[in-house]
Amino acid sequence: MSDIIESNPAILGGKPIIKGTRIPVALIYELIRLNYSINDILEEYPHLSKNIILTLLNNKSV
């Protein structure tokens, strides 16, 4: 999964983010917990792809 997640101490204090963005992985999990649909998330963050979100959800060990 390292192809979509990165951690850099210079970005958000090293928290795992979606590669190429400043979007924390934890934010996606939080939105799902708040009952956002994948489509809702894509509306808020149109530069993400459905594939990225599904990959995160299928690998919650992050």
C-alpha atoms as a PDB file:
ATOM      1  CA  MET A   1       0.000   0.000   0.000  1.00  0.00           C
ATOM      2  CA  SER A   2       3.036   2.271   0.130  1.00  0.00           C
ATOM      3  CA  ASP A   3       2.184   3.215  -3.439  1.00  0.00           C
ATOM      4  CA  ILE A   4      -0.676   5.391  -2.108  1.00  0.00           C
ATOM      5  CA  ILE A   5       0.498   6.297   1.408  1.00  0.00           C
ATOM      6  CA  GLU A   6       3.527   8.255   2.479  1.00  0.00           C
ATOM      7  CA  SER A   7       4.859   9.658   5.706  1.00  0.00           C
ATOM      8  CA  ASN A   8       7.175  12.652   5.717  1.00  0.00           C
ATOM      9  CA  PRO A   9       8.193  14.501   8.895  1.00  0.00           C
ATOM     10  CA  ALA A  10       7.919  17.776   6.963  1.00  0.00           C
ATOM     11  CA  ILE A  11       4.246  17.167   6.120  1.00  0.00           C
ATOM     12  CA  LEU A  12       1.651  17.097   8.918  1.00  0.00           C
ATOM     13  CA  GLY A  13       4.275  16.049  11.440  1.00  0.00           C
ATOM     14  CA  GLY A  14       4.885  12.733   9.710  1.00  0.00           C
ATOM     15  CA  LYS A  15       1.303  11.450   9.903  1.00  0.00           C
ATOM     16  CA  PRO A  16       0.422   9.000   7.108  1.00  0.00           C
ATOM     17  CA  ILE A  17      -1.057  10.887   4.172  1.00  0.00           C
ATOM     18  CA  ILE A  18      -2.352   9.977   0.750  1.00  0.00           C
ATOM     19  CA  LYS A  19       0.646  10.262  -1.536  1.00  0.00           C
ATOM     20  CA  GLY A  20       0.803  13.506  -3.490  1.00  0.00           C
ATOM     21  CA  THR A  21      -1.678  15.233  -1.164  1.00  0.00           C
ATOM     22  CA  ARG A  22      -1.815  16.641   2.338  1.00  0.00           C
ATOM     23  CA  ILE A  23      -4.865  14.511   3.155  1.00  0.00           C
ATOM     24  CA  PRO A  24      -4.308  12.354   6.243  1.00  0.00           C
ATOM     25  CA  VAL A  25      -5.301   8.722   5.882  1.00  0.00           C
ATOM     26  CA  ALA A  26      -7.063   9.035   9.254  1.00  0.00           C
ATOM     27  CA  LEU A  27      -9.359  11.688   7.764  1.00  0.00           C
ATOM     28  CA  ILE A  28     -10.733   9.222   5.222  1.00  0.00           C
ATOM     29  CA  TYR A  29     -11.424   6.693   7.997  1.00  0.00           C
ATOM     30  CA  GLU A  30     -13.082   9.412  10.072  1.00  0.00           C
ATOM     31  CA  LEU A  31     -15.327  10.467   7.184  1.00  0.00           C
ATOM     32  CA  ILE A  32     -16.409   6.856   6.664  1.00  0.00           C
ATOM     33  CA  ARG A  33     -17.079   6.564  10.408  1.00  0.00           C
ATOM     34  CA  LEU A  34     -19.285   9.665  10.081  1.00  0.00           C
ATOM     35  CA  ASN A  35     -21.294   7.859   7.377  1.00  0.00           C
ATOM     36  CA  TYR A  36     -19.884   9.709   4.385  1.00  0.00           C
ATOM     37  CA  SER A  37     -20.253   7.635   1.256  1.00  0.00           C
ATOM     38  CA  ILE A  38     -17.375   7.170  -1.149  1.00  0.00           C
ATOM     39  CA  ASN A  39     -19.165   9.543  -3.505  1.00  0.00           C
ATOM     40  CA  ASP A  40     -19.452  12.144  -0.725  1.00  0.00           C
ATOM     41  CA  ILE A  41     -15.707  11.926  -0.128  1.00  0.00           C
ATOM     42  CA  LEU A  42     -14.983  12.237  -3.841  1.00  0.00           C
ATOM     43  CA  GLU A  43     -17.170  15.354  -3.991  1.00  0.00           C
ATOM     44  CA  GLU A  44     -15.169  16.923  -1.139  1.00  0.00           C
ATOM     45  CA  TYR A  45     -11.808  15.750  -2.512  1.00  0.00           C
ATOM     46  CA  PRO A  46     -12.239  15.412  -6.299  1.00  0.00           C
ATOM     47  CA  HIS A  47      -8.514  14.869  -6.884  1.00  0.00           C
ATOM     48  CA  LEU A  48      -8.787  11.509  -5.081  1.00  0.00           C
ATOM     49  CA  SER A  49      -9.975   8.438  -6.913  1.00  0.00           C
ATOM     50  CA  LYS A  50     -12.468   5.783  -5.944  1.00  0.00           C
ATOM     51  CA  ASN A  51      -9.668   3.241  -6.248  1.00  0.00           C
ATOM     52  CA  ILE A  52      -7.583   5.049  -3.600  1.00  0.00           C
ATOM     53  CA  ILE A  53     -10.471   5.136  -1.140  1.00  0.00           C
ATOM     54  CA  LEU A  54     -11.365   1.490  -1.738  1.00  0.00           C
ATOM     55  CA  THR A  55      -7.726   0.471  -1.266  1.00  0.00           C
ATOM     56  CA  LEU A  56      -7.609   2.313   2.060  1.00  0.00           C
ATOM     57  CA  LEU A  57     -10.856   0.731   3.217  1.00  0.00           C
ATOM     58  CA  ASN A  58      -9.739  -2.754   2.217  1.00  0.00           C
ATOM     59  CA  ASN A  59      -6.470  -2.352   4.135  1.00  0.00           C
ATOM     60  CA  LYS A  60      -7.430  -0.797   7.457  1.00  0.00           C
ATOM     61  CA  SER A  61      -4.161  -1.939   9.009  1.00  0.00           C
ATOM     62  CA  VAL A  62      -2.705   1.507   8.315  1.00  0.00           C
END
